[in-house]
Amino acid sequence: MPNRQTSTSSAMSDEAVPSADPSDTSSLLAERLQAWKHCVGYLEDYVSATEKVERAHAKEYEKVLKTINNPLKEGHHFDQSLGGIAGLFENMRQNTQGLANTHLETEKNIKGSVLPILDRLHKEIKNKSKELSSGASKGAKEVDKARNTTQKHIELLGQQTAGYESSGGKMSSSEDPYVVRRGVLHRLAQQVMHENNNRHDLISVQNNFAQFEQHIIEVIQQALMTFNQFVSGQAQKQQELYSEMLATAQRVPSDFEWTQFVSRNESVLIDPNSPERTVEGISFPNQEHKSTKALIEGTLERKSRNKLSFSGYSTGYYVVTPSKFLHEFKDNDNLRKDPTPELSIYLPDATIGSTNGEKFNIKGKDVSKGLGSKLSGSSEIAFKAHTASDAQKWYEVIRSVAGAGPSEAYSSEPTSPVSPIEKKQLAPLQTSGQSQGVTGGETVASPIAATPISVVDHAEKPIGADKV
């Protein structure tokens, strides 16, 4: 079979009662007029808003003018001649007043010459919309009414033809399908007449729309051309005023103000040739106090307590302080991060093992208050120095500090004879760094006085520091 065209005209010829709404065309045209009305309304709002902005700009430039209307604060910093910054601000005051005046003039021109053009066009579109609703819309309603009548008779014809088949051809004359079919053709002819009349009306309206839209665009172009004359003229004038400010600024020598300023303030300004500050050149209170000087410090290797460790030993930076602590740090760098001890052992409460070549042991409790100290009690830690000589130096200093603990210097001892080791176990030192569970003894004065002179003299220069 040949393909049938799907145009509106062929569909209306093939179907007795087309499914298309007869008011679709008029509704579409009415919607298009509404779109044009909104389009012009947008332009009116745009131009009106621009007019208000121009008025607001004039007021804002009055505010701008007030910012430089008074003499400059700290004006003594600038040369008061016309060729300097003071002269520049005088020029800016004059041109800023000119900017405010140009905006006022543009606001008046837009309000009096551009907005009336768009307002008249808006009214024309509204009148055109009224004409469409009273003309083409009325024809669409007549077509719709005729189609409903035709549809009813077509349905009646269907009922009569069905009754003819069931009754064997016996029925009244008014129910004769032939008569009903003639009635359908009559009403269909009336319907087609209304459809064609409505079609002619819509074609006329469509042709008129093309001319009317050309008129709309021409008026819009005219309004925007007038609008452009005013705003571009204002923009050109504004550019000239700003260019005058720029030219005045460019005539000021670039080093004029600074040269004059430097000559007046040589005693206050910073000398760029002066050296920068360094940490080494800074001193602070108690910087050289004896309690801040290490008795010995340097790198040692500590045996790992992790049985799964392959390395066996890990290197750290260790310090014995006058406060009788053995501190472990990752390194001796004070710059990258705050040097917080990884391990701290209070030596008077620790047990010191003898040296074995470059190795020695310390059994004590970590009191650094870190995570490791909370999870472990007293444990024996194996250290290894670089050489046996270094190990002996560490051992001597640590032993002297641990041996001078308050437990040995404590005067209130039990009367029964006990060994020094038993004394230390019966009356351990109660310090702020001790963990809970250590009891007995009283806090006494710092045991520095009990340290052998040879150790103190030796501590003036930390032993092993050159090994770091």
Protein backbone atom coordinates (compact mmCIF):
# COMPACT_ATOMS: atom_id res chain seq x y z
CA MET A 1 0.00 0.00 0.00
CA PRO A 2 1.22 3.53 -0.64
CA ASN A 3 2.07 5.53 2.45
CA ARG A 4 -0.51 8.13 3.41
CA GLN A 5 0.62 11.63 4.26
CA THR A 6 0.28 12.55 7.91
CA SER A 7 -0.36 16.25 7.39
CA THR A 8 -3.24 18.02 9.10
CA SER A 9 -5.20 18.40 5.84
CA SER A 10 -5.01 14.71 4.92
CA ALA A 11 -5.90 13.64 8.45
CA MET A 12 -8.98 15.84 8.40
CA SER A 13 -9.99 14.34 4.98
CA ASP A 14 -9.53 10.72 6.08
CA GLU A 15 -11.28 10.95 9.45
CA ALA A 16 -14.92 11.91 9.83
CA VAL A 17 -14.26 13.43 13.24
CA PRO A 18 -10.56 14.36 13.51
CA SER A 19 -8.98 13.86 16.91
CA ALA A 20 -7.13 17.18 16.65
CA ASP A 21 -8.57 19.96 18.77
CA PRO A 22 -9.90 22.72 16.46
CA SER A 23 -8.76 25.30 18.99
CA ASP A 24 -5.13 24.10 18.87
CA THR A 25 -4.13 26.57 16.18
CA SER A 26 -5.79 29.57 17.79
CA SER A 27 -4.43 28.54 21.19
CA LEU A 28 -0.93 28.27 19.75
CA LEU A 29 -1.20 31.72 18.17
CA ALA A 30 -2.60 33.16 21.38
CA GLU A 31 0.29 31.62 23.29
CA ARG A 32 2.72 33.15 20.79
CA LEU A 33 1.20 36.59 21.33
CA GLN A 34 1.59 36.02 25.05
CA ALA A 35 5.25 35.19 24.48
CA TRP A 36 5.75 38.42 22.52
CA LYS A 37 3.98 40.37 25.22
CA HIS A 38 6.32 38.90 27.82
CA CYS A 39 9.28 39.60 25.55
CA VAL A 40 8.40 43.27 25.36
CA GLY A 41 7.68 43.22 29.08
CA TYR A 42 11.18 41.89 29.71
CA LEU A 43 12.63 44.74 27.67
CA GLU A 44 10.52 47.25 29.58
CA ASP A 45 11.73 45.80 32.87
CA TYR A 46 15.32 45.81 31.65
CA VAL A 47 15.24 49.41 30.48
CA SER A 48 13.30 50.50 33.56
CA ALA A 49 15.79 48.75 35.83
CA THR A 50 18.64 50.40 33.94
CA GLU A 51 16.97 53.77 34.41
CA LYS A 52 16.74 53.13 38.15
CA VAL A 53 20.33 51.94 38.23
CA GLU A 54 21.47 55.15 36.57
CA ARG A 55 19.63 57.16 39.21
CA ALA A 56 21.11 54.99 41.94
CA HIS A 57 24.57 55.32 40.39
CA ALA A 58 24.30 59.08 40.56
CA LYS A 59 23.58 58.84 44.28
CA GLU A 60 26.35 56.30 44.80
CA TYR A 61 28.86 58.54 43.06
CA GLU A 62 27.86 61.29 45.45
CA LYS A 63 28.90 58.89 48.20
CA VAL A 64 32.12 58.16 46.33
CA LEU A 65 32.78 61.88 46.11
CA LYS A 66 32.44 62.24 49.86
CA THR A 67 35.18 59.68 50.46
CA ILE A 68 37.77 62.08 49.04
CA ASN A 69 36.02 65.38 49.65
CA ASN A 70 37.91 66.17 52.85
CA PRO A 71 41.69 66.64 53.10
CA LEU A 72 43.53 63.33 53.07
CA LYS A 73 44.29 61.71 56.38
CA GLU A 74 48.01 61.51 57.12
CA GLY A 75 48.37 64.02 54.30
CA HIS A 76 51.81 64.97 55.54
CA HIS A 77 53.08 61.76 53.96
CA PHE A 78 52.44 63.19 50.48
CA ASP A 79 53.85 66.12 48.60
CA GLN A 80 51.20 68.84 48.43
CA SER A 81 52.11 70.11 44.96
CA LEU A 82 49.80 69.47 41.99
CA GLY A 83 52.23 67.05 40.42
CA GLY A 84 51.94 64.58 43.29
CA ILE A 85 49.31 62.41 44.96
CA ALA A 86 47.52 65.37 46.51
CA GLY A 87 46.97 66.85 43.04
CA LEU A 88 45.71 63.48 41.80
CA PHE A 89 42.96 63.39 44.43
CA GLU A 90 41.86 66.90 43.54
CA ASN A 91 41.45 65.77 39.93
CA MET A 92 39.52 62.70 41.11
CA ARG A 93 37.09 64.88 43.06
CA GLN A 94 36.26 66.95 40.00
CA ASN A 95 35.83 63.98 37.66
CA THR A 96 33.76 62.00 40.17
CA GLN A 97 31.27 64.85 40.29
CA GLY A 98 31.16 64.67 36.50
CA LEU A 99 30.40 60.93 36.69
CA ALA A 100 27.42 61.57 38.95
CA ASN A 101 26.08 64.16 36.50
CA THR A 102 26.35 61.82 33.49
CA HIS A 103 24.28 59.16 35.26
CA LEU A 104 21.56 61.68 36.11
CA GLU A 105 21.37 62.79 32.49
CA THR A 106 21.17 59.21 31.19
CA GLU A 107 18.39 58.39 33.67
CA LYS A 108 16.26 61.27 32.37
CA ASN A 109 16.80 60.33 28.70
CA ILE A 110 15.83 56.68 29.22
CA LYS A 111 12.70 57.56 31.13
CA GLY A 112 11.53 60.13 28.59
CA SER A 113 12.52 58.58 25.25
CA VAL A 114 12.94 54.79 25.47
CA LEU A 115 10.29 53.50 27.87
CA PRO A 116 7.36 55.18 26.00
CA ILE A 117 8.25 53.26 22.80
CA LEU A 118 8.07 49.90 24.53
CA ASP A 119 4.93 50.82 26.42
CA ARG A 120 3.06 51.55 23.15
CA LEU A 121 4.20 48.24 21.64
CA HIS A 122 3.03 46.36 24.72
CA LYS A 123 -0.47 47.81 24.29
CA GLU A 124 -0.56 46.85 20.58
CA ILE A 125 0.18 43.22 21.42
CA LYS A 126 -2.55 43.15 24.08
CA ASN A 127 -5.10 44.47 21.54
CA LYS A 128 -4.01 41.86 18.99
CA SER A 129 -4.57 39.14 21.58
CA LYS A 130 -8.11 40.36 22.20
CA GLU A 131 -8.88 40.27 18.45
CA LEU A 132 -7.68 36.67 18.20
CA SER A 133 -9.76 35.48 21.15
CA SER A 134 -12.94 37.08 19.77
CA GLY A 135 -12.46 35.87 16.16
CA ALA A 136 -10.55 32.65 15.60
CA SER A 137 -11.47 31.22 18.98
CA LYS A 138 -15.17 31.59 18.19
CA GLY A 139 -14.78 29.61 14.94
CA ALA A 140 -12.97 26.83 16.78
CA LYS A 141 -15.88 26.48 19.18
CA GLU A 142 -18.35 26.09 16.26
CA VAL A 143 -16.17 23.38 14.71
CA ASP A 144 -15.99 21.52 17.98
CA LYS A 145 -19.79 21.64 18.34
CA ALA A 146 -20.35 20.31 14.80
CA ARG A 147 -17.90 17.47 15.36
CA ASN A 148 -19.71 16.38 18.50
CA THR A 149 -23.01 16.22 16.58
CA THR A 150 -21.45 14.17 13.78
CA GLN A 151 -19.86 11.81 16.26
CA LYS A 152 -23.20 11.09 17.92
CA HIS A 153 -24.83 10.11 14.60
CA ILE A 154 -21.87 7.95 13.64
CA GLU A 155 -22.28 6.10 16.93
CA LEU A 156 -26.04 5.78 16.19
CA LEU A 157 -25.22 4.30 12.78
CA GLY A 158 -23.06 1.72 14.49
CA GLN A 159 -25.89 0.75 16.79
CA GLN A 160 -28.40 0.40 13.91
CA THR A 161 -26.07 -1.67 11.76
CA ALA A 162 -25.47 -3.98 14.70
CA GLY A 163 -29.24 -4.25 15.27
CA TYR A 164 -29.72 -5.05 11.58
CA GLU A 165 -27.46 -8.06 11.86
CA SER A 166 -29.12 -9.34 15.02
CA SER A 167 -32.75 -8.81 13.91
CA GLY A 168 -32.31 -10.29 10.49
CA GLY A 169 -33.20 -7.02 8.75
CA LYS A 170 -36.47 -6.39 10.60
CA MET A 171 -36.66 -2.82 12.03
CA SER A 172 -38.63 0.42 11.77
CA SER A 173 -38.06 2.91 8.97
CA SER A 174 -36.43 5.47 11.28
CA GLU A 175 -33.93 2.84 12.36
CA ASP A 176 -33.02 1.92 8.80
CA PRO A 177 -29.20 2.16 8.58
CA TYR A 178 -29.51 3.78 5.17
CA VAL A 179 -31.52 6.67 6.61
CA VAL A 180 -29.14 7.04 9.52
CA ARG A 181 -26.17 7.07 7.09
CA ARG A 182 -27.78 9.91 5.13
CA GLY A 183 -28.14 11.81 8.41
CA VAL A 184 -24.45 11.29 9.13
CA LEU A 185 -23.51 12.68 5.70
CA HIS A 186 -25.68 15.75 6.28
CA ARG A 187 -24.08 16.54 9.61
CA LEU A 188 -20.64 15.76 8.23
CA ALA A 189 -21.21 18.32 5.48
CA GLN A 190 -22.13 20.94 8.08
CA GLN A 191 -19.05 20.03 10.09
CA VAL A 192 -16.72 20.32 7.07
CA MET A 193 -18.19 23.71 6.19
CA HIS A 194 -17.41 25.01 9.70
CA GLU A 195 -13.95 23.43 9.57
CA ASN A 196 -13.09 25.08 6.26
CA ASN A 197 -14.42 28.46 7.38
CA ASN A 198 -12.30 28.20 10.52
CA ARG A 199 -9.33 27.15 8.41
CA HIS A 200 -9.64 30.21 6.17
CA ASP A 201 -9.89 32.46 9.19
CA LEU A 202 -6.79 30.94 10.76
CA ILE A 203 -4.79 31.24 7.51
CA SER A 204 -5.70 34.91 7.40
CA VAL A 205 -4.67 35.32 11.04
CA GLN A 206 -1.38 33.49 10.41
CA ASN A 207 -0.53 35.71 7.46
CA ASN A 208 -1.36 38.76 9.54
CA PHE A 209 0.86 37.40 12.33
CA ALA A 210 3.90 37.44 10.05
CA GLN A 211 3.42 41.13 9.32
CA PHE A 212 2.65 41.95 12.94
CA GLU A 213 5.79 40.20 14.18
CA GLN A 214 7.88 42.18 11.70
CA HIS A 215 6.37 45.32 13.20
CA ILE A 216 7.20 44.11 16.73
CA ILE A 217 10.84 43.46 15.85
CA GLU A 218 11.20 46.82 14.10
CA VAL A 219 9.85 48.66 17.15
CA ILE A 220 12.17 46.68 19.46
CA GLN A 221 15.12 47.60 17.25
CA GLN A 222 14.11 51.25 17.33
CA ALA A 223 13.81 51.23 21.13
CA LEU A 224 17.19 49.55 21.61
CA MET A 225 18.86 51.91 19.15
CA THR A 226 17.61 54.90 21.14
CA PHE A 227 18.60 53.18 24.37
CA ASN A 228 22.09 52.49 23.00
CA GLN A 229 22.58 56.12 22.03
CA PHE A 230 22.03 57.25 25.59
CA VAL A 231 23.93 54.53 27.47
CA SER A 232 26.86 54.42 25.03
CA GLY A 233 27.13 58.20 25.19
CA GLN A 234 27.14 57.98 28.96
CA ALA A 235 29.72 55.18 28.82
CA GLN A 236 31.94 57.21 26.50
CA LYS A 237 31.74 60.22 28.79
CA GLN A 238 32.48 57.99 31.77
CA GLN A 239 35.50 56.53 29.97
CA GLU A 240 36.81 60.02 29.26
CA LEU A 241 36.50 61.02 32.91
CA TYR A 242 38.27 57.89 34.11
CA SER A 243 40.95 58.34 31.43
CA GLU A 244 41.59 61.84 32.77
CA MET A 245 42.10 60.38 36.25
CA LEU A 246 44.51 57.82 34.82
CA ALA A 247 46.47 60.42 32.89
CA THR A 248 46.83 62.55 36.01
CA ALA A 249 48.10 59.54 37.95
CA GLN A 250 50.54 58.60 35.18
CA ARG A 251 52.07 62.07 35.23
CA VAL A 252 53.23 61.48 38.82
CA PRO A 253 56.83 60.16 38.78
CA SER A 254 56.84 56.60 40.10
CA ASP A 255 59.54 57.28 42.68
CA PHE A 256 58.51 60.81 43.58
CA GLU A 257 56.47 60.11 46.71
CA TRP A 258 58.69 57.28 47.96
CA THR A 259 61.86 59.28 47.55
CA GLN A 260 60.40 62.14 49.54
CA PHE A 261 59.04 59.74 52.16
CA VAL A 262 62.37 57.97 52.64
CA SER A 263 64.22 61.24 52.99
CA ARG A 264 61.85 62.28 55.78
CA ASN A 265 61.92 58.96 57.69
CA GLU A 266 65.42 57.54 57.40
CA SER A 267 65.65 57.06 61.16
CA VAL A 268 62.49 54.91 61.33
CA LEU A 269 62.67 52.73 58.22
CA ILE A 270 64.45 49.36 58.32
CA ASP A 271 67.93 49.08 56.90
CA PRO A 272 67.79 46.27 54.30
CA ASN A 273 71.50 45.60 54.85
CA SER A 274 71.06 44.68 58.52
CA PRO A 275 71.49 40.93 59.30
CA GLU A 276 68.53 38.63 59.96
CA ARG A 277 67.82 37.07 63.35
CA THR A 278 69.06 33.56 64.14
CA VAL A 279 68.26 31.18 66.97
CA GLU A 280 71.92 30.98 67.85
CA GLY A 281 72.06 34.71 68.40
CA ILE A 282 69.08 34.79 70.78
CA SER A 283 69.29 34.44 74.55
CA PHE A 284 66.49 33.89 77.04
CA PRO A 285 66.17 33.58 80.84
CA ASN A 286 67.64 30.40 82.40
CA GLN A 287 69.09 29.37 79.08
CA GLU A 288 72.40 28.44 80.75
CA HIS A 289 70.96 27.11 84.04
CA LYS A 290 72.81 24.03 85.27
CA SER A 291 69.61 21.96 85.26
CA THR A 292 69.34 22.42 81.49
CA LYS A 293 72.79 21.00 80.76
CA ALA A 294 72.97 17.31 79.91
CA LEU A 295 75.31 15.16 82.00
CA ILE A 296 75.87 13.04 78.94
CA GLU A 297 74.08 12.80 75.60
CA GLY A 298 74.51 11.10 72.27
CA THR A 299 73.29 8.26 70.12
CA LEU A 300 72.80 4.74 71.49
CA GLU A 301 71.26 1.61 70.10
CA ARG A 302 68.41 0.03 72.05
CA LYS A 303 67.49 -3.61 71.66
CA SER A 304 63.96 -3.99 70.39
CA ARG A 305 61.46 -5.70 72.71
CA ASN A 306 59.57 -6.94 69.67
CA LYS A 307 60.65 -10.54 69.10
CA LEU A 308 59.52 -10.32 65.48
CA SER A 309 61.87 -7.41 64.76
CA PHE A 310 64.57 -8.28 62.20
CA SER A 311 66.87 -5.37 62.96
CA GLY A 312 67.38 -6.25 66.65
CA TYR A 313 68.50 -2.75 67.63
CA SER A 314 67.10 0.71 66.89
CA THR A 315 69.13 3.92 67.10
CA GLY A 316 67.95 6.85 69.21
CA TYR A 317 69.27 9.98 70.83
CA TYR A 318 69.65 9.60 74.63
CA VAL A 319 70.26 12.18 77.34
CA VAL A 320 70.96 11.92 81.09
CA THR A 321 69.81 15.14 82.77
CA PRO A 322 70.64 16.69 86.16
CA SER A 323 67.05 15.84 87.11
CA LYS A 324 68.17 12.16 87.07
CA PHE A 325 66.16 11.17 84.01
CA LEU A 326 67.29 9.11 81.08
CA HIS A 327 65.34 10.44 78.09
CA GLU A 328 65.09 8.87 74.66
CA PHE A 329 64.44 11.04 71.58
CA LYS A 330 64.23 10.06 67.96
CA ASP A 331 67.00 12.56 67.15
CA ASN A 332 68.51 15.81 68.38
CA ASP A 333 66.66 18.03 65.88
CA ASN A 334 64.74 20.84 67.66
CA LEU A 335 63.40 22.41 64.44
CA ARG A 336 61.13 19.93 62.70
CA LYS A 337 58.94 19.04 65.68
CA ASP A 338 58.63 19.54 69.41
CA PRO A 339 61.24 17.21 71.01
CA THR A 340 59.01 15.08 73.26
CA PRO A 341 60.74 12.07 74.90
CA GLU A 342 59.85 8.69 73.47
CA LEU A 343 61.04 7.07 76.73
CA SER A 344 61.84 8.49 80.17
CA ILE A 345 63.33 6.49 83.07
CA TYR A 346 63.87 7.98 86.51
CA LEU A 347 67.31 6.55 87.26
CA PRO A 348 67.18 6.51 91.12
CA ASP A 349 64.25 4.08 90.78
CA ALA A 350 66.03 1.96 88.17
CA THR A 351 68.47 -0.93 88.42
CA ILE A 352 71.69 -0.45 86.46
CA GLY A 353 73.47 -3.49 85.06
CA SER A 354 77.24 -3.62 84.54
CA THR A 355 78.79 -3.12 81.13
CA ASN A 356 79.64 -5.97 78.82
CA GLY A 357 81.86 -4.56 76.14
CA GLU A 358 79.82 -1.87 74.40
CA LYS A 359 76.55 -3.14 75.97
CA PHE A 360 74.82 -2.40 79.27
CA ASN A 361 71.32 -2.88 80.70
CA ILE A 362 68.89 -0.73 82.66
CA LYS A 363 65.79 -2.08 84.34
CA GLY A 364 63.18 0.56 85.06
CA LYS A 365 59.74 1.94 84.32
CA ASP A 366 58.94 4.34 81.51
CA VAL A 367 57.46 7.47 83.16
CA SER A 368 57.14 9.53 79.98
CA LYS A 369 53.32 9.33 80.26
CA GLY A 370 53.14 8.14 76.69
CA LEU A 371 51.04 5.27 75.38
CA GLY A 372 53.84 2.75 75.91
CA SER A 373 54.29 3.66 79.57
CA LYS A 374 50.62 2.97 80.30
CA LEU A 375 50.71 -0.45 78.70
CA SER A 376 53.95 -1.79 80.20
CA GLY A 377 55.42 -2.05 83.68
CA SER A 378 59.08 -2.19 84.62
CA SER A 379 61.19 -3.90 82.00
CA GLU A 380 64.86 -4.44 81.29
CA ILE A 381 66.23 -2.46 78.37
CA ALA A 382 69.48 -3.41 76.63
CA PHE A 383 71.63 -0.60 75.22
CA LYS A 384 74.64 -0.73 72.93
CA ALA A 385 77.11 2.15 72.57
CA HIS A 386 79.45 2.81 69.66
CA THR A 387 82.44 1.49 71.57
CA ALA A 388 83.18 -0.16 74.90
CA SER A 389 84.75 3.10 76.06
CA ASP A 390 81.54 4.99 75.28
CA ALA A 391 79.51 2.35 77.09
CA GLN A 392 81.71 2.77 80.16
CA LYS A 393 81.22 6.56 80.09
CA TRP A 394 77.45 6.16 79.93
CA TYR A 395 77.53 3.57 82.69
CA GLU A 396 79.58 5.77 85.02
CA VAL A 397 77.32 8.79 84.60
CA ILE A 398 74.11 6.76 84.91
CA ARG A 399 75.47 4.84 87.91
CA SER A 400 76.54 8.05 89.67
CA VAL A 401 73.11 9.60 89.14
CA ALA A 402 71.25 6.49 90.25
CA GLY A 403 73.57 5.98 93.25
CA ALA A 404 73.02 9.56 94.46
CA GLY A 405 69.27 9.03 94.71
CA PRO A 406 67.36 10.10 97.82
CA SER A 407 66.98 6.47 98.90
CA GLU A 408 70.70 6.37 99.81
CA ALA A 409 70.84 9.89 101.21
CA TYR A 410 67.66 9.52 103.21
CA SER A 411 68.57 10.01 106.93
CA SER A 412 65.54 8.46 108.62
CA GLU A 413 66.48 4.79 108.20
CA PRO A 414 65.24 1.72 110.11
CA THR A 415 67.47 0.83 113.05
CA SER A 416 67.84 -2.80 112.04
CA PRO A 417 70.90 -3.40 109.83
CA VAL A 418 70.03 -3.84 106.21
CA SER A 419 72.12 -3.81 103.08
CA PRO A 420 72.13 -0.73 100.83
CA ILE A 421 70.09 -2.64 98.30
CA GLU A 422 67.50 -3.52 100.95
CA LYS A 423 67.43 0.10 102.05
CA LYS A 424 66.63 1.17 98.53
CA GLN A 425 63.83 -1.35 98.31
CA LEU A 426 62.37 -0.36 101.69
CA ALA A 427 62.39 3.36 101.10
CA PRO A 428 62.17 4.18 97.37
CA LEU A 429 62.00 7.82 96.30
CA GLN A 430 58.47 9.19 95.90
CA THR A 431 58.67 11.50 92.87
CA SER A 432 56.15 13.23 90.74
CA GLY A 433 57.18 11.07 87.81
CA GLN A 434 56.62 7.73 89.65
CA SER A 435 53.64 5.64 88.73
CA GLN A 436 51.12 4.40 91.22
CA GLY A 437 52.11 1.43 93.34
CA VAL A 438 55.53 2.75 94.46
CA THR A 439 55.30 3.72 98.12
CA GLY A 440 57.44 4.68 101.10
CA GLY A 441 60.06 7.36 101.65
CA GLU A 442 59.76 11.12 101.59
CA THR A 443 60.66 13.65 98.94
CA VAL A 444 63.99 15.23 99.84
CA ALA A 445 66.16 17.92 98.36
CA SER A 446 67.70 17.40 94.92
CA PRO A 447 70.56 14.92 95.14
CA ILE A 448 72.87 17.08 93.03
CA ALA A 449 74.87 17.83 96.17
CA ALA A 450 75.54 14.12 96.62
CA THR A 451 76.90 13.71 93.09
CA PRO A 452 80.66 13.07 93.06
CA ILE A 453 82.71 16.10 92.11
CA SER A 454 84.37 14.19 89.31
CA VAL A 455 80.98 13.48 87.73
CA VAL A 456 79.81 17.09 88.05
CA ASP A 457 83.04 18.37 86.59
CA HIS A 458 82.74 15.78 83.89
CA ALA A 459 79.18 16.92 83.15
CA GLU A 460 80.21 20.52 82.37
CA LYS A 461 80.89 19.21 78.89
CA PRO A 462 78.47 16.35 78.05
CA ILE A 463 80.30 13.10 77.65
CA GLY A 464 79.90 11.54 74.27
CA ALA A 465 78.51 14.73 72.70
CA ASP A 466 81.22 14.54 70.07
CA LYS A 467 79.89 11.10 69.17
CA VAL A 468 76.53 12.47 67.98
